Each structure stands twice: as C-alpha cells, then as structure tokens.
Amino acid sequence: MSLSPSLFSVGLAFQCPQCNFTVIKNGSWFQVVSHYKCDGCGREIRITYPDKIAIFQKHAHLATPSGAPESRSVHSG
C-alpha cells in the first residue's frame, strides 16, 4: 500500500511509542514528517516510512474511493 492521497485531508491517529500519547494530524502531515516532538513525554519521535504505511493502512477505511465525488447536500429552492 502507498500513502493514499485520499487520506491527505483526513485526521489520522498515531500513538507515541514511548508514552502512548495520541497525536492526530492530517495524512498530508504524516506524508512529509520524519520526526516530531511528542506533546505527552517531550521526546523526539521518529516516524519511518514503514510507520507511515502502517498509519495509512490502519485508516484505509476512511479513504474516499478514487474518482468518486464527495457527497453533497442538494437543496432546491
């Protein structure tokens, strides 16, 4: 699995491997980040490409099918 663009604007969760503090960021953030400072323990946490693949796989059910239009409410008036 690749880093699906359909998840770039979706909030994805990742738990710090040191303290289990959960960070929620858009998929686009995970695509480009290589490390971050955990708000829970203050440690510098490295996010590897295999970590990113696992994050995107975990959230794959949130992806919109490619080519499918986003659902919109249509009001007549």
Protein backbone atom coordinates (compact mmCIF):
# COMPACT_ATOMS: atom_id res chain seq x y z
CA MET A 1 0.00 0.00 0.00
CA SER A 2 1.16 3.52 -0.74
CA LEU A 3 0.35 6.71 1.11
CA SER A 4 -3.08 7.23 -0.39
CA PRO A 5 -3.81 10.84 -1.42
CA SER A 6 -7.44 10.25 -0.45
CA LEU A 7 -6.28 10.32 3.20
CA PHE A 8 -4.22 13.52 2.93
CA SER A 9 -7.07 15.67 4.29
CA VAL A 10 -8.27 13.11 6.85
CA GLY A 11 -7.24 13.19 10.52
CA LEU A 12 -5.07 10.13 11.26
CA ALA A 13 -4.02 8.98 14.73
CA PHE A 14 -0.55 7.89 15.84
CA GLN A 15 0.47 6.84 19.34
CA CYS A 16 3.87 7.78 20.73
CA PRO A 17 5.86 4.56 21.14
CA GLN A 18 7.33 5.94 24.39
CA CYS A 19 4.26 7.18 26.31
CA ASN A 20 1.23 6.23 24.13
CA PHE A 21 0.17 9.88 23.78
CA THR A 22 -2.01 10.12 20.66
CA VAL A 23 -1.38 12.76 18.03
CA ILE A 24 -4.00 13.36 15.34
CA LYS A 25 -2.82 15.05 12.16
CA ASN A 26 -3.93 15.10 8.53
CA GLY A 27 -2.48 12.42 6.29
CA SER A 28 -0.56 15.12 4.41
CA TRP A 29 1.36 15.87 7.63
CA PHE A 30 2.32 12.23 8.02
CA GLN A 31 3.39 12.15 4.37
CA VAL A 32 6.11 14.77 4.90
CA VAL A 33 7.11 14.50 8.57
CA SER A 34 10.14 12.44 9.59
CA HIS A 35 10.08 13.29 13.31
CA TYR A 36 8.15 15.37 15.81
CA LYS A 37 8.29 16.32 19.49
CA CYS A 38 5.69 14.38 21.49
CA ASP A 39 3.35 16.61 23.50
CA GLY A 40 2.99 13.82 26.05
CA CYS A 41 6.57 13.00 27.01
CA GLY A 42 8.55 15.70 25.19
CA ARG A 43 10.74 13.22 23.37
CA GLU A 44 11.73 13.48 19.74
CA ILE A 45 9.82 10.72 17.93
CA ARG A 46 10.97 9.42 14.57
CA ILE A 47 8.34 8.33 12.04
CA THR A 48 9.78 5.98 9.43
CA TYR A 49 8.26 5.13 6.07
CA PRO A 50 7.11 1.70 7.39
CA ASP A 51 5.41 3.59 10.27
CA LYS A 52 3.65 5.81 7.72
CA ILE A 53 2.48 2.78 5.72
CA ALA A 54 1.07 1.25 8.92
CA ILE A 55 -0.73 4.50 9.82
CA PHE A 56 -2.30 4.77 6.36
CA GLN A 57 -3.29 1.07 6.37
CA LYS A 58 -4.91 1.46 9.79
CA HIS A 59 -7.03 4.33 8.46
CA ALA A 60 -7.68 2.94 4.95
CA HIS A 61 -11.40 2.55 5.74
CA LEU A 62 -11.64 6.37 5.89
CA ALA A 63 -10.42 6.83 2.32
CA THR A 64 -12.83 8.01 -0.33
CA PRO A 65 -12.87 5.81 -3.43
CA SER A 66 -10.76 7.44 -6.13
CA GLY A 67 -12.84 9.18 -8.71
CA ALA A 68 -15.94 9.17 -6.52
CA PRO A 69 -17.50 12.57 -5.98
CA GLU A 70 -17.75 13.81 -2.42
CA SER A 71 -21.25 13.59 -1.03
CA ARG A 72 -23.01 16.93 -1.02
CA SER A 73 -26.39 18.09 0.14
CA VAL A 74 -28.53 19.49 -2.62
CA HIS A 75 -31.25 21.92 -1.62
CA SER A 76 -33.90 23.06 -4.02
CA GLY A 77 -35.24 26.45 -3.51
